Amino acid sequence: MNSELFHHTHPYRPFIPENATKLIVGTLPPPRFTTRELKEGDVDFCYGSRDGMLWQIIDRIFNLDLKFENTPEAVKQRKEFLARKGIGICDTVESCRRDKVDASDLGMLHVELRDLVGILKENEKIDTLLFTGGNSKNGPEFFFRKLLKEQDIKIKVISNDVPRVHQFLLDGRSINTVSLTAPSGSANRAIGSMELYKHLKKQNPEFNTIDFRVLQYRRFFED
């Protein structure tokens, strides 16, 4: 292995409250979270990048008045919310190597995955995985499907509408997966091409891509 490649390790352990029934699943935070070179406005926790939208979306859905700053209070707010709502976070990637030091999923090389199937077996209340992206190469769903295939676990389509919903059985237990539109700027173009977004934008010119995600995420986070 080329020693000059950047070793991008996940800086956070899975955060899974005992009452968790849902699990947010991504890949891993931007490299600056590994090197501990956080920017002003970053939060030192999962999905804490100031460039990401997940916590903005959750903040709007639940009216949390979250702080977006690198403080212990901001981290505490997020952990308390997750524990209260029974939502965990466990990304698929433990580490990877990078030729170019950026946050691109496609740029990940020599990827080491977390044993997410084993983690699900240990947390028997979880019945829904919320992927922060679809099944594109090196995305969270892509890697999770690889883990299922290795264990010969079949996954079936429940709904092919965006966000797509699939289901698989784990030791007789039914678990759904939801492929949410990614909470990153890179997904804005895809949203802009969706007929539903165009329709809603025509009805209200002020409607934007974050509004669209809030609408989409709400039904899977609130129930």
Protein backbone atom coordinates (compact mmCIF):
# COMPACT_ATOMS: atom_id res chain seq x y z
CA MET A 1 0.00 0.00 0.00
CA ASN A 2 1.32 3.48 -0.89
CA SER A 3 2.46 5.03 2.39
CA GLU A 4 1.84 8.50 0.93
CA LEU A 5 -1.90 7.90 0.81
CA PHE A 6 -3.84 9.77 3.48
CA HIS A 7 -5.25 7.42 6.13
CA HIS A 8 -8.80 8.65 6.67
CA THR A 9 -10.11 7.11 9.91
CA HIS A 10 -13.56 7.57 11.41
CA PRO A 11 -13.15 9.80 14.49
CA TYR A 12 -16.35 8.69 16.24
CA ARG A 13 -17.56 5.39 17.61
CA PRO A 14 -21.15 4.40 16.79
CA PHE A 15 -23.63 6.32 18.93
CA ILE A 16 -26.53 3.96 19.63
CA PRO A 17 -28.87 4.65 22.57
CA GLU A 18 -30.35 1.56 24.25
CA ASN A 19 -33.83 2.53 23.04
CA ALA A 20 -32.75 3.05 19.41
CA THR A 21 -35.21 1.81 16.78
CA LYS A 22 -33.69 3.82 13.91
CA LEU A 23 -30.09 4.06 12.75
CA ILE A 24 -28.67 6.86 10.59
CA VAL A 25 -26.05 5.34 8.29
CA GLY A 26 -23.48 7.31 6.30
CA THR A 27 -19.83 6.73 5.32
CA LEU A 28 -17.49 8.94 7.38
CA PRO A 29 -16.94 12.64 8.16
CA PRO A 30 -14.63 14.89 6.12
CA PRO A 31 -10.85 14.41 6.64
CA ARG A 32 -10.53 17.50 8.85
CA PHE A 33 -12.48 15.65 11.55
CA THR A 34 -9.78 12.96 11.49
CA THR A 35 -6.91 15.46 11.63
CA ARG A 36 -8.79 17.52 14.25
CA GLU A 37 -8.66 20.70 12.15
CA LEU A 38 -12.28 21.68 12.58
CA LYS A 39 -13.61 24.89 11.08
CA GLU A 40 -15.65 27.55 12.82
CA GLY A 41 -19.23 26.32 12.72
CA ASP A 42 -18.29 22.63 12.78
CA VAL A 43 -19.66 20.48 15.62
CA ASP A 44 -17.35 17.79 17.03
CA PHE A 45 -19.82 14.96 16.50
CA CYS A 46 -21.31 12.77 13.77
CA TYR A 47 -22.55 14.84 10.81
CA GLY A 48 -20.99 17.89 12.44
CA SER A 49 -19.58 19.43 9.27
CA ARG A 50 -20.81 22.98 8.76
CA ASP A 51 -21.13 22.09 5.06
CA GLY A 52 -23.59 19.26 5.74
CA MET A 53 -27.33 19.70 6.17
CA LEU A 54 -28.46 16.73 8.28
CA TRP A 55 -28.61 18.59 11.58
CA GLN A 56 -30.15 21.65 9.90
CA ILE A 57 -32.92 19.39 8.57
CA ILE A 58 -33.44 17.66 11.93
CA ASP A 59 -33.40 21.04 13.68
CA ARG A 60 -36.22 22.27 11.45
CA ILE A 61 -38.30 19.08 11.73
CA PHE A 62 -38.21 19.06 15.54
CA ASN A 63 -37.73 22.80 16.32
CA LEU A 64 -34.67 22.03 18.45
CA ASP A 65 -32.90 25.41 18.32
CA LEU A 66 -29.57 23.60 17.95
CA LYS A 67 -26.25 25.37 18.29
CA PHE A 68 -23.97 25.13 15.26
CA GLU A 69 -20.58 25.69 16.86
CA ASN A 70 -17.59 23.72 18.13
CA THR A 71 -18.69 23.53 21.77
CA PRO A 72 -19.53 20.73 24.24
CA GLU A 73 -23.05 22.17 24.51
CA ALA A 74 -23.68 21.64 20.78
CA VAL A 75 -22.58 18.00 21.06
CA LYS A 76 -24.70 17.50 24.20
CA GLN A 77 -27.80 18.86 22.43
CA ARG A 78 -27.43 16.33 19.63
CA LYS A 79 -26.77 13.34 21.88
CA GLU A 80 -29.73 14.20 24.10
CA PHE A 81 -32.02 14.51 21.09
CA LEU A 82 -30.92 11.13 19.69
CA ALA A 83 -31.38 9.41 23.05
CA ARG A 84 -34.81 11.00 23.52
CA LYS A 85 -36.02 9.95 20.06
CA GLY A 86 -34.42 6.49 19.99
CA ILE A 87 -32.19 7.25 17.01
CA GLY A 88 -28.63 6.00 16.63
CA ILE A 89 -25.80 6.83 14.23
CA CYS A 90 -23.44 4.20 12.87
CA ASP A 91 -21.56 4.84 9.64
CA THR A 92 -20.42 2.00 7.40
CA VAL A 93 -16.75 2.95 6.98
CA GLU A 94 -14.13 2.48 9.70
CA SER A 95 -11.28 3.82 7.58
CA CYS A 96 -10.00 4.27 4.05
CA ARG A 97 -7.02 5.67 2.17
CA ARG A 98 -7.13 8.72 -0.03
CA ASP A 99 -4.96 9.91 -2.88
CA LYS A 100 -6.64 13.31 -2.70
CA VAL A 101 -7.54 14.60 0.78
CA ASP A 102 -11.23 15.44 0.36
CA ALA A 103 -14.64 14.13 1.42
CA SER A 104 -15.53 12.41 -1.86
CA ASP A 105 -17.06 8.95 -1.45
CA LEU A 106 -15.71 7.94 -4.86
CA GLY A 107 -12.19 8.90 -3.74
CA MET A 108 -12.11 6.27 -0.98
CA LEU A 109 -9.51 3.52 -1.50
CA HIS A 110 -8.71 0.36 0.51
CA VAL A 111 -11.94 0.76 2.45
CA GLU A 112 -12.34 -1.03 5.79
CA LEU A 113 -15.98 -1.50 6.73
CA ARG A 114 -17.58 -1.69 10.14
CA ASP A 115 -19.43 -4.88 11.03
CA LEU A 116 -22.81 -3.23 10.74
CA VAL A 117 -24.64 -6.57 10.51
CA GLY A 118 -23.06 -7.63 13.82
CA ILE A 119 -23.97 -4.26 15.35
CA LEU A 120 -27.60 -4.78 14.28
CA LYS A 121 -27.60 -8.21 15.92
CA GLU A 122 -26.44 -6.59 19.17
CA ASN A 123 -29.10 -3.86 18.99
CA GLU A 124 -32.28 -5.86 18.56
CA LYS A 125 -34.74 -2.94 18.73
CA ILE A 126 -33.48 -1.33 15.52
CA ASP A 127 -35.99 -1.84 12.70
CA THR A 128 -35.06 0.97 10.29
CA LEU A 129 -31.81 2.08 8.65
CA LEU A 130 -31.78 5.63 7.30
CA PHE A 131 -29.11 5.83 4.59
CA THR A 132 -27.85 9.36 3.93
CA GLY A 133 -27.68 8.67 0.20
CA GLY A 134 -28.64 6.11 -2.41
CA ASN A 135 -26.92 3.07 -3.85
CA SER A 136 -24.23 4.92 -5.81
CA LYS A 137 -20.68 3.53 -5.69
CA ASN A 138 -19.01 3.93 -2.28
CA GLY A 139 -22.17 5.31 -0.71
CA PRO A 140 -23.54 3.97 2.60
CA GLU A 141 -26.18 1.77 0.95
CA PHE A 142 -23.61 0.43 -1.53
CA PHE A 143 -21.32 -0.70 1.29
CA PHE A 144 -24.17 -2.10 3.39
CA ARG A 145 -25.40 -4.19 0.46
CA LYS A 146 -21.85 -5.54 0.16
CA LEU A 147 -21.99 -6.63 3.82
CA LEU A 148 -25.36 -8.33 3.27
CA LYS A 149 -24.08 -10.12 0.17
CA GLU A 150 -21.08 -11.47 2.08
CA GLN A 151 -23.50 -13.08 4.54
CA ASP A 152 -25.91 -14.20 1.83
CA ILE A 153 -28.72 -12.02 3.21
CA LYS A 154 -31.29 -11.08 0.55
CA ILE A 155 -32.82 -7.62 0.33
CA LYS A 156 -36.11 -6.84 -1.45
CA VAL A 157 -37.77 -3.70 -2.76
CA ILE A 158 -40.71 -2.30 -0.78
CA SER A 159 -41.01 1.01 -2.64
CA ASN A 160 -39.11 2.16 -5.74
CA ASP A 161 -40.17 5.77 -5.34
CA VAL A 162 -37.56 8.20 -4.01
CA PRO A 163 -36.66 7.74 -1.20
CA ARG A 164 -36.47 4.03 -2.02
CA VAL A 165 -37.40 1.57 0.72
CA HIS A 166 -36.02 -1.97 0.96
CA GLN A 167 -36.36 -4.75 3.50
CA PHE A 168 -34.28 -7.70 4.68
CA LEU A 169 -34.52 -10.37 7.37
CA LEU A 170 -31.87 -10.72 10.07
CA ASP A 171 -32.32 -13.79 12.27
CA GLY A 172 -36.04 -13.67 11.49
CA ARG A 173 -36.29 -9.96 12.29
CA SER A 174 -37.58 -7.61 9.60
CA ILE A 175 -35.50 -4.45 9.03
CA ASN A 176 -36.34 -1.68 6.56
CA THR A 177 -33.82 0.54 4.82
CA VAL A 178 -34.64 4.03 3.52
CA SER A 179 -32.39 5.69 0.93
CA LEU A 180 -32.76 9.38 1.75
CA THR A 181 -31.59 12.09 -0.61
CA ALA A 182 -28.08 12.95 0.61
CA PRO A 183 -27.86 15.95 3.00
CA SER A 184 -24.94 17.42 1.05
CA GLY A 185 -24.66 20.06 -1.65
CA SER A 186 -23.64 17.43 -4.20
CA ALA A 187 -27.22 16.11 -4.25
CA ASN A 188 -28.81 19.47 -5.07
CA ARG A 189 -28.59 18.93 -8.82
CA ALA A 190 -30.40 15.60 -8.54
CA ILE A 191 -33.13 17.23 -6.45
CA GLY A 192 -33.49 19.99 -9.03
CA SER A 193 -34.27 17.43 -11.72
CA MET A 194 -37.01 15.67 -9.71
CA GLU A 195 -40.56 16.23 -10.94
CA LEU A 196 -41.91 16.60 -7.39
CA TYR A 197 -39.35 19.31 -6.61
CA LYS A 198 -40.18 21.15 -9.85
CA HIS A 199 -43.89 20.96 -9.02
CA LEU A 200 -43.39 22.29 -5.48
CA LYS A 201 -41.02 25.01 -6.71
CA LYS A 202 -43.59 26.12 -9.28
CA GLN A 203 -46.21 26.36 -6.55
CA ASN A 204 -43.84 28.33 -4.30
CA PRO A 205 -40.80 30.02 -5.88
CA GLU A 206 -39.26 30.37 -2.39
CA PHE A 207 -39.17 26.56 -1.99
CA ASN A 208 -35.56 25.28 -1.97
CA THR A 209 -33.57 22.03 -1.77
CA ILE A 210 -33.37 22.10 2.04
CA ASP A 211 -37.17 22.54 2.21
CA PHE A 212 -37.44 19.48 -0.05
CA ARG A 213 -35.25 17.39 2.24
CA VAL A 214 -37.20 18.50 5.33
CA LEU A 215 -40.38 17.33 3.61
CA GLN A 216 -38.79 13.99 2.65
CA TYR A 217 -37.00 13.27 5.94
CA ARG A 218 -39.89 14.26 8.18
CA ARG A 219 -42.00 11.15 7.58
CA PHE A 220 -39.11 8.80 8.39
CA PHE A 221 -37.78 10.64 11.44
CA GLU A 222 -41.10 11.54 13.06
CA ASP A 223 -42.94 8.20 13.00
